[in-house]
Amino acid sequence: MKTLHAPTRTATVVARLLERLDASRVPVDAHQYRIVAERLAGLMLDPDVDWQPLLAQSPAAATVYENLHYAEAGLCHAPLDQAVAAEVAAREAIEAARRKPEPGAAAPDAAAI
């Protein structure tokens, strides 16, 4: 049985940098983002590393990992509960907005309905 080792410090730092770029409120240079993501992807090709701790800490790293290993990983690291909750909340907000009349708008004409 092969023993896997922990991600390198470099991989952890690059994953954190990618997280910061993802969370930035200031527009990020696409080339810079691509370089960081490619660097992390290159590091994640090492099959002797247990990537699970890093993937649990970093959604951005989990996304890169899924893209690299989609055939094996699928979307197993995607936060499904959060995505479903966001979808439900969005649908509810859209329905509420549809039901709410615009301020100052005339009531709908009964003949038009």
N, C-alpha and C. Protein backbone atom coordinates (compact mmCIF):
# COMPACT_ATOMS: atom_id res chain seq x y z
N MET A 1 0.83 -1.17 0.00
CA MET A 1 0.00 0.00 0.00
C MET A 1 0.89 1.25 0.00
N LYS A 2 0.56 2.16 -0.85
CA LYS A 2 1.33 3.39 -1.01
C LYS A 2 0.85 4.44 0.00
N THR A 3 1.80 5.06 0.69
CA THR A 3 1.47 6.11 1.63
C THR A 3 1.54 7.46 0.92
N LEU A 4 0.46 8.21 1.01
CA LEU A 4 0.40 9.54 0.38
C LEU A 4 0.96 10.57 1.36
N HIS A 5 1.58 11.61 0.80
CA HIS A 5 2.08 12.66 1.66
C HIS A 5 1.22 13.91 1.53
N ALA A 6 1.40 14.83 2.45
CA ALA A 6 0.60 16.05 2.49
C ALA A 6 1.00 16.98 1.35
N PRO A 7 0.09 17.86 0.95
CA PRO A 7 0.44 18.84 -0.08
C PRO A 7 1.61 19.70 0.38
N THR A 8 2.40 20.12 -0.57
CA THR A 8 3.55 20.97 -0.25
C THR A 8 3.08 22.35 0.22
N ARG A 9 3.97 23.03 0.85
CA ARG A 9 3.68 24.42 1.28
C ARG A 9 3.37 25.27 0.06
N THR A 10 4.07 25.03 -1.03
CA THR A 10 3.83 25.79 -2.27
C THR A 10 2.40 25.59 -2.74
N ALA A 11 1.91 24.37 -2.73
CA ALA A 11 0.54 24.10 -3.17
C ALA A 11 -0.46 24.81 -2.28
N THR A 12 -0.21 24.81 -0.99
CA THR A 12 -1.11 25.49 -0.05
C THR A 12 -1.14 26.99 -0.30
N VAL A 13 0.04 27.57 -0.51
CA VAL A 13 0.13 29.02 -0.76
C VAL A 13 -0.55 29.38 -2.08
N VAL A 14 -0.33 28.58 -3.11
CA VAL A 14 -0.95 28.86 -4.41
C VAL A 14 -2.47 28.73 -4.31
N ALA A 15 -2.95 27.73 -3.57
CA ALA A 15 -4.40 27.58 -3.38
C ALA A 15 -4.98 28.79 -2.65
N ARG A 16 -4.28 29.27 -1.64
CA ARG A 16 -4.74 30.46 -0.91
C ARG A 16 -4.75 31.69 -1.82
N LEU A 17 -3.75 31.81 -2.66
CA LEU A 17 -3.71 32.93 -3.59
C LEU A 17 -4.90 32.85 -4.56
N LEU A 18 -5.19 31.66 -5.04
CA LEU A 18 -6.34 31.50 -5.94
C LEU A 18 -7.64 31.85 -5.22
N GLU A 19 -7.75 31.49 -3.94
CA GLU A 19 -8.93 31.87 -3.15
C GLU A 19 -9.05 33.39 -3.06
N ARG A 20 -7.93 34.06 -2.82
CA ARG A 20 -7.95 35.52 -2.74
C ARG A 20 -8.35 36.15 -4.05
N LEU A 21 -7.86 35.60 -5.16
CA LEU A 21 -8.25 36.13 -6.47
C LEU A 21 -9.73 35.92 -6.71
N ASP A 22 -10.24 34.75 -6.33
CA ASP A 22 -11.67 34.46 -6.49
C ASP A 22 -12.54 35.41 -5.68
N ALA A 23 -12.09 35.75 -4.48
CA ALA A 23 -12.88 36.59 -3.58
C ALA A 23 -12.67 38.08 -3.79
N SER A 24 -11.77 38.45 -4.67
CA SER A 24 -11.43 39.85 -4.86
C SER A 24 -12.63 40.66 -5.35
N ARG A 25 -12.82 41.81 -4.72
CA ARG A 25 -13.87 42.73 -5.16
C ARG A 25 -13.37 43.65 -6.26
N VAL A 26 -12.08 43.65 -6.44
CA VAL A 26 -11.44 44.43 -7.49
C VAL A 26 -11.23 43.50 -8.68
N PRO A 27 -11.51 43.96 -9.90
CA PRO A 27 -11.29 43.08 -11.05
C PRO A 27 -9.86 42.55 -11.08
N VAL A 28 -9.74 41.26 -11.39
CA VAL A 28 -8.46 40.58 -11.41
C VAL A 28 -8.05 40.37 -12.86
N ASP A 29 -6.79 40.54 -13.13
CA ASP A 29 -6.27 40.31 -14.47
C ASP A 29 -6.44 38.84 -14.84
N ALA A 30 -7.08 38.58 -15.97
CA ALA A 30 -7.36 37.21 -16.39
C ALA A 30 -6.08 36.40 -16.59
N HIS A 31 -5.04 37.03 -17.11
CA HIS A 31 -3.77 36.33 -17.32
C HIS A 31 -3.18 35.90 -15.98
N GLN A 32 -3.21 36.79 -15.01
CA GLN A 32 -2.69 36.46 -13.68
C GLN A 32 -3.49 35.31 -13.07
N TYR A 33 -4.81 35.36 -13.18
CA TYR A 33 -5.65 34.30 -12.64
C TYR A 33 -5.32 32.97 -13.31
N ARG A 34 -5.18 32.99 -14.62
CA ARG A 34 -4.87 31.77 -15.37
C ARG A 34 -3.54 31.19 -14.93
N ILE A 35 -2.54 32.04 -14.75
CA ILE A 35 -1.21 31.56 -14.34
C ILE A 35 -1.29 30.87 -12.98
N VAL A 36 -2.01 31.48 -12.03
CA VAL A 36 -2.12 30.89 -10.69
C VAL A 36 -2.88 29.57 -10.77
N ALA A 37 -3.99 29.54 -11.52
CA ALA A 37 -4.78 28.30 -11.64
C ALA A 37 -3.97 27.20 -12.33
N GLU A 38 -3.21 27.55 -13.36
CA GLU A 38 -2.38 26.56 -14.05
C GLU A 38 -1.26 26.04 -13.15
N ARG A 39 -0.72 26.92 -12.34
CA ARG A 39 0.34 26.50 -11.41
C ARG A 39 -0.22 25.49 -10.40
N LEU A 40 -1.40 25.80 -9.86
CA LEU A 40 -2.02 24.87 -8.92
C LEU A 40 -2.37 23.56 -9.62
N ALA A 41 -2.87 23.64 -10.82
CA ALA A 41 -3.21 22.42 -11.58
C ALA A 41 -1.97 21.56 -11.79
N GLY A 42 -0.87 22.19 -12.11
CA GLY A 42 0.38 21.44 -12.30
C GLY A 42 0.82 20.74 -11.04
N LEU A 43 0.68 21.42 -9.91
CA LEU A 43 1.05 20.80 -8.63
C LEU A 43 0.11 19.64 -8.30
N MET A 44 -1.15 19.77 -8.67
CA MET A 44 -2.15 18.74 -8.34
C MET A 44 -2.05 17.49 -9.20
N LEU A 45 -1.16 17.48 -10.13
CA LEU A 45 -0.97 16.28 -10.95
C LEU A 45 -0.14 15.21 -10.23
N ASP A 46 0.42 15.56 -9.09
CA ASP A 46 1.24 14.61 -8.34
C ASP A 46 0.34 13.56 -7.68
N PRO A 47 0.41 12.31 -8.13
CA PRO A 47 -0.46 11.27 -7.59
C PRO A 47 -0.06 10.78 -6.21
N ASP A 48 1.09 11.21 -5.72
CA ASP A 48 1.57 10.76 -4.41
C ASP A 48 1.13 11.67 -3.27
N VAL A 49 0.25 12.63 -3.57
CA VAL A 49 -0.20 13.59 -2.56
C VAL A 49 -1.65 13.31 -2.20
N ASP A 50 -1.95 13.40 -0.91
CA ASP A 50 -3.33 13.33 -0.45
C ASP A 50 -3.90 14.75 -0.50
N TRP A 51 -4.66 15.04 -1.52
CA TRP A 51 -5.17 16.39 -1.74
C TRP A 51 -6.42 16.71 -0.91
N GLN A 52 -7.01 15.72 -0.29
CA GLN A 52 -8.29 15.92 0.40
C GLN A 52 -8.27 17.04 1.45
N PRO A 53 -7.24 17.15 2.30
CA PRO A 53 -7.25 18.26 3.28
C PRO A 53 -7.25 19.63 2.61
N LEU A 54 -6.48 19.79 1.55
CA LEU A 54 -6.45 21.07 0.85
C LEU A 54 -7.78 21.34 0.16
N LEU A 55 -8.38 20.32 -0.44
CA LEU A 55 -9.66 20.49 -1.12
C LEU A 55 -10.75 20.87 -0.14
N ALA A 56 -10.67 20.35 1.07
CA ALA A 56 -11.67 20.69 2.09
C ALA A 56 -11.54 22.15 2.53
N GLN A 57 -10.32 22.69 2.49
CA GLN A 57 -10.08 24.08 2.91
C GLN A 57 -10.33 25.08 1.80
N SER A 58 -10.19 24.67 0.57
CA SER A 58 -10.18 25.61 -0.54
C SER A 58 -11.16 25.22 -1.65
N PRO A 59 -12.29 25.91 -1.73
CA PRO A 59 -13.23 25.63 -2.82
C PRO A 59 -12.60 25.85 -4.20
N ALA A 60 -11.72 26.83 -4.31
CA ALA A 60 -11.07 27.08 -5.60
C ALA A 60 -10.18 25.90 -5.98
N ALA A 61 -9.44 25.37 -5.02
CA ALA A 61 -8.60 24.20 -5.28
C ALA A 61 -9.46 22.99 -5.62
N ALA A 62 -10.60 22.85 -4.95
CA ALA A 62 -11.51 21.74 -5.25
C ALA A 62 -12.02 21.83 -6.68
N THR A 63 -12.30 23.03 -7.13
CA THR A 63 -12.76 23.22 -8.51
C THR A 63 -11.67 22.84 -9.50
N VAL A 64 -10.45 23.26 -9.23
CA VAL A 64 -9.33 22.89 -10.11
C VAL A 64 -9.17 21.37 -10.13
N TYR A 65 -9.22 20.76 -8.96
CA TYR A 65 -9.08 19.30 -8.87
C TYR A 65 -10.17 18.58 -9.66
N GLU A 66 -11.40 19.04 -9.52
CA GLU A 66 -12.51 18.43 -10.25
C GLU A 66 -12.31 18.55 -11.75
N ASN A 67 -11.81 19.69 -12.20
CA ASN A 67 -11.56 19.86 -13.63
C ASN A 67 -10.45 18.95 -14.13
N LEU A 68 -9.46 18.71 -13.29
CA LEU A 68 -8.36 17.83 -13.68
C LEU A 68 -8.76 16.36 -13.66
N HIS A 69 -9.62 16.00 -12.73
CA HIS A 69 -9.97 14.59 -12.50
C HIS A 69 -11.46 14.35 -12.64
N TYR A 70 -12.07 15.00 -13.59
CA TYR A 70 -13.52 14.94 -13.71
C TYR A 70 -14.03 13.51 -13.88
N ALA A 71 -13.33 12.71 -14.65
CA ALA A 71 -13.78 11.33 -14.89
C ALA A 71 -13.88 10.55 -13.59
N GLU A 72 -12.97 10.81 -12.66
CA GLU A 72 -12.99 10.10 -11.38
C GLU A 72 -13.78 10.85 -10.32
N ALA A 73 -13.67 12.18 -10.31
CA ALA A 73 -14.24 12.96 -9.22
C ALA A 73 -15.64 13.46 -9.49
N GLY A 74 -15.97 13.68 -10.75
CA GLY A 74 -17.27 14.27 -11.06
C GLY A 74 -17.40 15.59 -10.34
N LEU A 75 -18.54 15.81 -9.74
CA LEU A 75 -18.73 17.04 -8.97
C LEU A 75 -18.79 16.74 -7.48
N CYS A 76 -18.02 15.76 -7.05
CA CYS A 76 -18.11 15.31 -5.67
C CYS A 76 -17.65 16.34 -4.65
N HIS A 77 -16.89 17.35 -5.06
CA HIS A 77 -16.43 18.35 -4.10
C HIS A 77 -17.28 19.62 -4.16
N ALA A 78 -18.23 19.66 -5.06
CA ALA A 78 -19.10 20.84 -5.15
C ALA A 78 -20.00 20.88 -3.92
N PRO A 79 -20.21 22.07 -3.36
CA PRO A 79 -21.07 22.19 -2.17
C PRO A 79 -22.54 22.08 -2.60
N LEU A 80 -23.03 20.87 -2.77
CA LEU A 80 -24.36 20.63 -3.31
C LEU A 80 -25.45 21.24 -2.45
N ASP A 81 -25.37 21.10 -1.14
CA ASP A 81 -26.40 21.67 -0.27
C ASP A 81 -26.50 23.18 -0.44
N GLN A 82 -25.36 23.84 -0.53
CA GLN A 82 -25.36 25.29 -0.71
C GLN A 82 -25.93 25.67 -2.07
N ALA A 83 -25.58 24.90 -3.09
CA ALA A 83 -26.07 25.20 -4.44
C ALA A 83 -27.58 25.02 -4.51
N VAL A 84 -28.10 23.97 -3.91
CA VAL A 84 -29.54 23.73 -3.92
C VAL A 84 -30.26 24.83 -3.14
N ALA A 85 -29.73 25.20 -1.98
CA ALA A 85 -30.35 26.25 -1.18
C ALA A 85 -30.35 27.58 -1.93
N ALA A 86 -29.28 27.88 -2.64
CA ALA A 86 -29.21 29.11 -3.42
C ALA A 86 -30.22 29.09 -4.56
N GLU A 87 -30.37 27.95 -5.20
CA GLU A 87 -31.34 27.81 -6.28
C GLU A 87 -32.76 28.01 -5.77
N VAL A 88 -33.08 27.41 -4.64
CA VAL A 88 -34.42 27.56 -4.05
C VAL A 88 -34.67 29.02 -3.66
N ALA A 89 -33.70 29.65 -3.02
CA ALA A 89 -33.84 31.05 -2.62
C ALA A 89 -34.02 31.95 -3.84
N ALA A 90 -33.29 31.69 -4.90
CA ALA A 90 -33.41 32.49 -6.11
C ALA A 90 -34.80 32.34 -6.72
N ARG A 91 -35.30 31.12 -6.79
CA ARG A 91 -36.64 30.90 -7.34
C ARG A 91 -37.70 31.60 -6.49
N GLU A 92 -37.57 31.53 -5.18
CA GLU A 92 -38.53 32.19 -4.30
C GLU A 92 -38.48 33.71 -4.47
N ALA A 93 -37.29 34.26 -4.60
CA ALA A 93 -37.15 35.70 -4.80
C ALA A 93 -37.76 36.14 -6.13
N ILE A 94 -37.56 35.35 -7.17
CA ILE A 94 -38.12 35.67 -8.48
C ILE A 94 -39.65 35.63 -8.42
N GLU A 95 -40.18 34.61 -7.79
CA GLU A 95 -41.64 34.50 -7.67
C GLU A 95 -42.21 35.66 -6.85
N ALA A 96 -41.54 36.02 -5.76
CA ALA A 96 -42.00 37.14 -4.94
C ALA A 96 -41.96 38.44 -5.73
N ALA A 97 -40.93 38.62 -6.53
CA ALA A 97 -40.82 39.83 -7.34
C ALA A 97 -41.91 39.87 -8.41
N ARG A 98 -42.27 38.74 -8.94
CA ARG A 98 -43.34 38.69 -9.95
C ARG A 98 -44.69 39.05 -9.34
N ARG A 99 -44.92 38.67 -8.11
CA ARG A 99 -46.20 38.93 -7.45
C ARG A 99 -46.32 40.37 -6.97
N LYS A 100 -45.23 41.01 -6.71
CA LYS A 100 -45.24 42.35 -6.12
C LYS A 100 -45.42 43.39 -7.24
N PRO A 101 -46.46 44.23 -7.15
CA PRO A 101 -46.64 45.26 -8.19
C PRO A 101 -45.57 46.35 -8.04
N GLU A 102 -45.24 46.95 -9.16
CA GLU A 102 -44.26 48.04 -9.13
C GLU A 102 -44.87 49.25 -8.46
N PRO A 103 -44.05 50.01 -7.72
CA PRO A 103 -44.58 51.23 -7.06
C PRO A 103 -45.06 52.22 -8.12
N GLY A 104 -46.25 52.78 -7.90
CA GLY A 104 -46.78 53.78 -8.82
C GLY A 104 -47.44 53.17 -10.05
N ALA A 105 -47.40 51.87 -10.18
CA ALA A 105 -48.02 51.24 -11.35
C ALA A 105 -49.51 51.14 -11.12
N ALA A 106 -50.26 51.33 -12.17
CA ALA A 106 -51.72 51.23 -12.08
C ALA A 106 -52.09 49.76 -11.90
N ALA A 107 -53.22 49.55 -11.26
CA ALA A 107 -53.71 48.18 -11.09
C ALA A 107 -54.02 47.60 -12.45
N PRO A 108 -53.81 46.30 -12.63
CA PRO A 108 -54.07 45.69 -13.95
C PRO A 108 -55.53 45.85 -14.31
N ASP A 109 -55.76 46.12 -15.56
CA ASP A 109 -57.11 46.27 -16.09
C ASP A 109 -57.76 44.90 -16.16
N ALA A 110 -58.93 44.76 -15.58
CA ALA A 110 -59.62 43.46 -15.56
C ALA A 110 -59.88 42.96 -16.97
N ALA A 111 -60.09 43.86 -17.91
CA ALA A 111 -60.36 43.43 -19.31
C ALA A 111 -59.10 42.89 -19.96
N ALA A 112 -57.92 43.34 -19.51
CA ALA A 112 -56.67 42.91 -20.10
C ALA A 112 -56.27 41.53 -19.62
N ILE A 113 -56.85 41.08 -18.53
CA ILE A 113 -56.47 39.79 -17.96
C ILE A 113 -57.16 38.69 -18.61
